[in-house]
Amino acid sequence: MNESSEWLTTAEVARLLRIRPRTVYHLVSRGEIPHARARGRLLFDRAQVEHWIAAQSAGALENRAIDPPPTIAGSHDPLLEWAVRESRCGLAVATLGSVEGLDRFVARSACASLIHIPNNSDDGYNDEALRQRAATLPAVALHWARREQGLVLPPGNPLAIRGLKDFARGRRRFAMRQPGAGSQLLLSRLARGAGVALSALRPIAPLASSETDVAQAVAEGYADAGFAIRAAARQFGLTFVPLAWESVDLVVWRRSAFEPPIQTLLRFTETRRFARHAAMLSGYDLSDCRRVRFNA
């Protein structure tokens, strides 16, 4: 968060707007008021809220608040980081998990967010989160890639781990992601399906904030295993036990989607160089890259 900003609580915003706190929560749930989250607590940047108030009678939703910064929030992805750097698109990457990234996107603190949030009702990804959070927003979701997720283990798999059940029996050290990370949400779903309680996986501290952090913890011997994408395991020469393929989408403000930074990045994804690098990383399926998945 910007230290120069003045952050308001829900109660303070309610007093500012002369409404009940419950109405503030309703505005947040519909993505209508700029907000952020810190350790589960709602916070509101006074300047953004005042812009939002002033713009309520100023026309379309796209003009309700200040332009979002040229930043991609959301999930950590090695391919995205590389593509942003190599395309010279001018975007920044600030990835701390899918849920937080979607929060930042809705609050207009980022022009885009990479997300992979499992649906609750089926085996799909992102549909429910986008319907709940972005249905009223001028936003579009473009498919980024399918990624292979699984257990990351020491070279040679000395414990002969074949799945979550094998690992859970030993109460061994596990490199766990932070709450709200798409990988952590997927791990929870897979654990339920395997009849494994997450409490049976002994997390190391601190929690890993990226796919790379998980693999590095295993490579350096701080953890006996972790849950991450195949590309992270390959980067550190680790054994990978595949468990699922997931769908990852890039959510973009519709106006931002036509600005030079996002356009430059999307054009780069059409190049052979991008496809070759994804193949080198391994564990990526780009067959539907850039396909529109959601258009509010």
Protein backbone atom coordinates (compact mmCIF):
# COMPACT_ATOMS: atom_id res chain seq x y z
CA MET A 1 0.00 0.00 0.00
CA ASN A 2 1.09 3.56 -0.66
CA GLU A 3 2.30 4.98 2.65
CA SER A 4 1.24 8.48 1.57
CA SER A 5 -2.39 7.40 1.22
CA GLU A 6 -4.97 7.93 3.93
CA TRP A 7 -6.72 4.63 4.55
CA LEU A 8 -10.25 4.58 5.96
CA THR A 9 -12.05 1.76 7.76
CA THR A 10 -15.51 0.51 6.82
CA ALA A 11 -17.06 2.52 9.67
CA GLU A 12 -15.25 5.69 8.56
CA VAL A 13 -16.40 5.26 4.96
CA ALA A 14 -19.96 4.69 6.18
CA ARG A 15 -19.83 7.97 8.11
CA LEU A 16 -18.33 9.76 5.11
CA LEU A 17 -21.11 8.51 2.83
CA ARG A 18 -23.80 8.82 5.55
CA ILE A 19 -24.85 5.21 5.05
CA ARG A 20 -24.82 2.09 7.21
CA PRO A 21 -21.71 -0.12 7.31
CA ARG A 22 -23.81 -2.95 5.89
CA THR A 23 -24.42 -0.86 2.77
CA VAL A 24 -20.67 -0.34 2.42
CA TYR A 25 -20.18 -4.14 2.48
CA HIS A 26 -22.86 -4.43 -0.20
CA LEU A 27 -21.03 -1.89 -2.40
CA VAL A 28 -17.79 -3.84 -1.92
CA SER A 29 -19.42 -7.18 -2.80
CA ARG A 30 -20.71 -5.68 -6.05
CA GLY A 31 -17.34 -4.12 -6.87
CA GLU A 32 -18.86 -0.64 -6.92
CA ILE A 33 -16.54 1.16 -4.51
CA PRO A 34 -12.70 1.23 -4.61
CA HIS A 35 -11.24 -0.81 -1.77
CA ALA A 36 -8.33 -2.97 -0.71
CA ARG A 37 -7.79 -5.81 1.74
CA ALA A 38 -5.04 -6.24 4.33
CA ARG A 39 -5.06 -9.49 6.31
CA GLY A 40 -8.78 -9.88 5.61
CA ARG A 41 -9.64 -6.34 6.70
CA LEU A 42 -11.30 -3.90 4.30
CA LEU A 43 -9.52 -0.57 3.78
CA PHE A 44 -10.45 2.39 1.58
CA ASP A 45 -8.13 4.98 0.06
CA ARG A 46 -9.75 8.35 0.88
CA ALA A 47 -8.63 9.94 -2.41
CA GLN A 48 -10.10 7.09 -4.48
CA VAL A 49 -13.34 7.14 -2.50
CA GLU A 50 -13.67 10.88 -3.00
CA HIS A 51 -13.06 10.44 -6.76
CA TRP A 52 -15.72 7.75 -6.73
CA ILE A 53 -18.21 10.00 -4.93
CA ALA A 54 -17.59 12.88 -7.31
CA ALA A 55 -18.08 10.65 -10.36
CA GLN A 56 -21.38 9.06 -9.39
CA SER A 57 -23.27 11.48 -11.61
CA ALA A 58 -20.52 11.79 -14.19
CA GLY A 59 -21.64 9.14 -16.65
CA ALA A 60 -20.41 5.63 -17.44
CA LEU A 61 -18.78 3.32 -14.97
CA GLU A 62 -15.49 3.47 -16.86
CA ASN A 63 -15.22 7.15 -15.87
CA ARG A 64 -16.14 6.69 -12.22
CA ALA A 65 -12.62 6.64 -10.82
CA ILE A 66 -9.05 7.46 -11.64
CA ASP A 67 -7.37 5.43 -14.35
CA PRO A 68 -5.82 2.26 -12.89
CA PRO A 69 -2.01 2.09 -12.88
CA PRO A 70 -0.21 0.00 -15.55
CA THR A 71 0.20 -2.91 -13.17
CA ILE A 72 -0.76 -6.60 -13.39
CA ALA A 73 -1.81 -7.97 -10.01
CA GLY A 74 -2.91 -11.47 -9.05
CA SER A 75 -1.22 -14.83 -9.46
CA HIS A 76 2.50 -15.37 -9.80
CA ASP A 77 3.40 -16.88 -13.16
CA PRO A 78 6.96 -17.30 -14.53
CA LEU A 79 5.75 -17.07 -18.13
CA LEU A 80 3.91 -13.80 -17.49
CA GLU A 81 6.88 -12.27 -15.68
CA TRP A 82 9.16 -13.17 -18.59
CA ALA A 83 6.69 -11.94 -21.23
CA VAL A 84 6.21 -8.58 -19.49
CA ARG A 85 9.97 -8.09 -19.32
CA GLU A 86 10.82 -9.29 -22.82
CA SER A 87 7.94 -7.54 -24.58
CA ARG A 88 9.03 -4.15 -23.18
CA CYS A 89 5.35 -3.38 -22.66
CA GLY A 90 5.95 -1.06 -19.72
CA LEU A 91 3.69 -2.94 -17.31
CA ALA A 92 4.66 -3.68 -13.73
CA VAL A 93 3.93 -7.02 -12.06
CA ALA A 94 2.77 -7.14 -8.43
CA THR A 95 1.53 -10.65 -7.78
CA LEU A 96 0.44 -11.75 -4.31
CA GLY A 97 -2.30 -14.25 -5.11
CA SER A 98 -5.46 -14.50 -7.19
CA VAL A 99 -7.97 -13.32 -4.58
CA GLU A 100 -5.93 -10.30 -3.55
CA GLY A 101 -5.25 -9.58 -7.19
CA LEU A 102 -8.96 -9.56 -8.03
CA ASP A 103 -9.56 -7.27 -5.03
CA ARG A 104 -6.92 -4.87 -6.31
CA PHE A 105 -8.39 -5.02 -9.81
CA VAL A 106 -11.92 -4.21 -8.61
CA ALA A 107 -10.49 -1.35 -6.53
CA ARG A 108 -8.83 -0.01 -9.72
CA SER A 109 -5.39 -0.44 -8.14
CA ALA A 110 -4.28 -2.46 -11.18
CA CYS A 111 -5.19 -2.41 -14.86
CA ALA A 112 -5.21 -6.22 -15.00
CA SER A 113 -5.04 -9.28 -12.81
CA LEU A 114 -3.98 -12.87 -13.48
CA ILE A 115 -6.30 -15.29 -11.67
CA HIS A 116 -6.91 -19.02 -11.27
CA ILE A 117 -9.69 -19.31 -8.69
CA PRO A 118 -11.41 -22.72 -8.61
CA ASN A 119 -15.20 -22.73 -8.92
CA ASN A 120 -17.13 -24.17 -5.98
CA SER A 121 -19.85 -25.85 -8.05
CA ASP A 122 -17.72 -27.64 -10.67
CA ASP A 123 -14.15 -28.33 -11.78
CA GLY A 124 -13.80 -25.06 -13.68
CA TYR A 125 -11.93 -21.87 -12.82
CA ASN A 126 -12.70 -18.17 -12.45
CA ASP A 127 -16.31 -18.25 -13.72
CA GLU A 128 -17.91 -17.88 -10.30
CA ALA A 129 -15.40 -15.31 -9.06
CA LEU A 130 -15.89 -13.18 -12.17
CA ARG A 131 -19.69 -13.38 -11.98
CA GLN A 132 -19.62 -12.40 -8.31
CA ARG A 133 -17.03 -9.63 -8.50
CA ALA A 134 -16.94 -8.30 -12.06
CA ALA A 135 -20.41 -8.80 -13.52
CA THR A 136 -21.18 -5.06 -13.40
CA LEU A 137 -17.71 -3.86 -14.38
CA PRO A 138 -16.44 -2.90 -17.85
CA ALA A 139 -13.97 -5.77 -17.80
CA VAL A 140 -12.91 -8.63 -20.04
CA ALA A 141 -11.13 -11.88 -19.15
CA LEU A 142 -8.70 -13.33 -21.69
CA HIS A 143 -7.43 -16.87 -21.34
CA TRP A 144 -3.73 -16.87 -20.53
CA ALA A 145 -2.85 -20.58 -20.37
CA ARG A 146 -3.54 -23.94 -18.83
CA ARG A 147 -0.88 -24.88 -16.29
CA GLU A 148 0.04 -28.24 -14.80
CA GLN A 149 -0.01 -28.25 -11.00
CA GLY A 150 1.30 -30.94 -8.70
CA LEU A 151 3.62 -31.96 -5.89
CA VAL A 152 7.16 -30.60 -6.01
CA LEU A 153 9.61 -33.05 -4.42
CA PRO A 154 13.37 -33.45 -3.92
CA PRO A 155 15.31 -34.88 -6.88
CA GLY A 156 14.72 -38.60 -7.28
CA ASN A 157 11.69 -38.52 -4.94
CA PRO A 158 13.48 -40.31 -2.06
CA LEU A 159 10.24 -40.70 -0.08
CA ALA A 160 8.48 -42.36 -3.05
CA ILE A 161 5.55 -39.95 -2.84
CA ARG A 162 2.84 -40.60 -5.41
CA GLY A 163 0.11 -38.27 -4.13
CA LEU A 164 -1.23 -36.24 -1.24
CA LYS A 165 -2.22 -39.31 0.78
CA ASP A 166 1.32 -40.67 0.70
CA PHE A 167 2.74 -37.37 1.88
CA ALA A 168 0.12 -36.73 4.58
CA ARG A 169 0.89 -39.97 6.40
CA GLY A 170 4.29 -38.77 7.56
CA ARG A 171 3.47 -35.29 8.96
CA ARG A 172 6.38 -34.01 6.91
CA ARG A 173 7.27 -30.39 6.21
CA PHE A 174 5.22 -28.77 3.44
CA ALA A 175 5.78 -25.48 1.60
CA MET A 176 2.30 -23.95 1.74
CA ARG A 177 1.05 -20.89 -0.18
CA GLN A 178 -0.71 -17.94 1.42
CA PRO A 179 -4.52 -17.92 1.84
CA GLY A 180 -6.16 -16.51 -1.29
CA ALA A 181 -3.49 -17.83 -3.65
CA GLY A 182 -5.10 -19.80 -6.47
CA SER A 183 -2.66 -22.66 -5.89
CA GLN A 184 -3.69 -22.86 -2.24
CA LEU A 185 -7.38 -22.91 -3.17
CA LEU A 186 -6.71 -25.70 -5.68
CA LEU A 187 -4.69 -27.63 -3.11
CA SER A 188 -7.63 -27.43 -0.71
CA ARG A 189 -9.97 -28.80 -3.39
CA LEU A 190 -7.61 -31.65 -4.29
CA ALA A 191 -7.06 -32.49 -0.62
CA ARG A 192 -10.81 -32.75 -0.03
CA GLY A 193 -11.13 -35.02 -3.06
CA ALA A 194 -8.34 -37.25 -1.75
CA GLY A 195 -9.79 -37.37 1.75
CA VAL A 196 -6.78 -35.55 3.20
CA ALA A 197 -7.07 -32.81 5.83
CA LEU A 198 -4.81 -29.84 5.16
CA SER A 199 -3.89 -29.96 8.83
CA ALA A 200 -2.07 -33.21 8.04
CA LEU A 201 0.39 -31.19 5.93
CA ARG A 202 2.80 -29.48 8.33
CA PRO A 203 3.43 -26.01 6.84
CA ILE A 204 6.81 -24.39 7.17
CA ALA A 205 7.13 -20.70 8.02
CA PRO A 206 6.89 -18.29 6.40
CA LEU A 207 4.23 -19.18 3.85
CA ALA A 208 5.45 -19.10 0.24
CA SER A 209 4.28 -16.09 -1.75
CA SER A 210 5.06 -17.47 -5.23
CA GLU A 211 5.47 -20.66 -7.24
CA THR A 212 9.23 -20.10 -7.22
CA ASP A 213 9.31 -19.74 -3.42
CA VAL A 214 7.69 -23.17 -3.06
CA ALA A 215 10.25 -24.84 -5.31
CA GLN A 216 13.15 -23.03 -3.69
CA ALA A 217 12.07 -24.16 -0.21
CA VAL A 218 12.13 -27.78 -1.39
CA ALA A 219 15.40 -27.38 -3.29
CA GLU A 220 17.16 -25.91 -0.25
CA GLY A 221 15.83 -28.57 2.12
CA TYR A 222 13.51 -26.37 4.19
CA ALA A 223 10.49 -28.42 3.06
CA ASP A 224 9.97 -32.05 2.09
CA ALA A 225 7.43 -31.11 -0.57
CA GLY A 226 5.24 -28.32 -1.85
CA PHE A 227 2.45 -27.67 -4.32
CA ALA A 228 3.34 -25.64 -7.41
CA ILE A 229 3.41 -25.64 -11.20
CA ARG A 230 5.63 -27.95 -13.24
CA ALA A 231 7.67 -25.00 -14.53
CA ALA A 232 8.80 -24.15 -10.99
CA ALA A 233 9.91 -27.73 -10.34
CA ARG A 234 11.86 -27.82 -13.60
CA GLN A 235 13.61 -24.55 -12.82
CA PHE A 236 15.14 -26.08 -9.67
CA GLY A 237 15.70 -29.59 -11.03
CA LEU A 238 13.06 -31.14 -8.74
CA THR A 239 10.79 -34.16 -9.13
CA PHE A 240 7.23 -33.30 -10.13
CA VAL A 241 4.15 -35.46 -9.46
CA PRO A 242 1.27 -34.07 -11.59
CA LEU A 243 -2.13 -33.69 -9.91
CA ALA A 244 -4.20 -31.29 -12.05
CA TRP A 245 -4.38 -28.90 -14.98
CA GLU A 246 -5.78 -25.46 -14.17
CA SER A 247 -7.08 -22.58 -16.26
CA VAL A 248 -5.47 -19.15 -15.80
CA ASP A 249 -7.11 -15.96 -17.08
CA LEU A 250 -5.98 -12.36 -17.45
CA VAL A 251 -8.74 -9.99 -16.33
CA VAL A 252 -8.38 -6.53 -17.87
CA TRP A 253 -10.34 -3.29 -17.70
CA ARG A 254 -11.90 -2.99 -21.13
CA ARG A 255 -10.42 0.44 -21.68
CA SER A 256 -6.97 -0.76 -20.60
CA ALA A 257 -7.21 -3.69 -23.01
CA PHE A 258 -6.89 -1.25 -25.91
CA GLU A 259 -4.08 0.83 -24.40
CA PRO A 260 -0.48 0.31 -25.66
CA PRO A 261 0.89 -1.63 -22.61
CA ILE A 262 -1.68 -4.46 -22.73
CA GLN A 263 -1.76 -4.44 -26.54
CA THR A 264 2.03 -4.79 -26.67
CA LEU A 265 1.92 -7.73 -24.25
CA LEU A 266 -0.87 -9.47 -26.19
CA ARG A 267 0.95 -9.06 -29.50
CA PHE A 268 4.04 -10.60 -27.93
CA THR A 269 2.02 -13.70 -26.95
CA GLU A 270 1.43 -14.31 -30.67
CA THR A 271 5.15 -14.69 -31.42
CA ARG A 272 7.13 -17.90 -31.87
CA ARG A 273 9.53 -16.69 -29.22
CA PHE A 274 6.73 -16.68 -26.63
CA ALA A 275 5.61 -20.19 -27.61
CA ARG A 276 9.19 -21.51 -27.50
CA HIS A 277 9.77 -20.09 -24.04
CA ALA A 278 6.54 -21.62 -22.72
CA ALA A 279 7.65 -25.00 -24.09
CA MET A 280 11.04 -24.59 -22.45
CA LEU A 281 9.45 -23.80 -19.08
CA SER A 282 7.17 -26.87 -19.53
CA GLY A 283 3.74 -27.51 -18.09
CA TYR A 284 1.93 -24.88 -20.19
CA ASP A 285 -0.84 -25.34 -22.75
CA LEU A 286 -1.27 -22.20 -24.89
CA SER A 287 -3.87 -23.57 -27.30
CA ASP A 288 -6.55 -21.06 -26.20
CA CYS A 289 -4.27 -18.15 -25.30
CA ARG A 290 -6.03 -14.76 -25.74
CA ARG A 291 -9.49 -16.33 -26.16
CA VAL A 292 -12.18 -14.18 -24.54
CA ARG A 293 -13.54 -16.05 -21.53
CA PHE A 294 -15.65 -13.30 -19.96
CA ASN A 295 -17.00 -10.00 -21.21
CA ALA A 296 -19.12 -8.05 -18.73
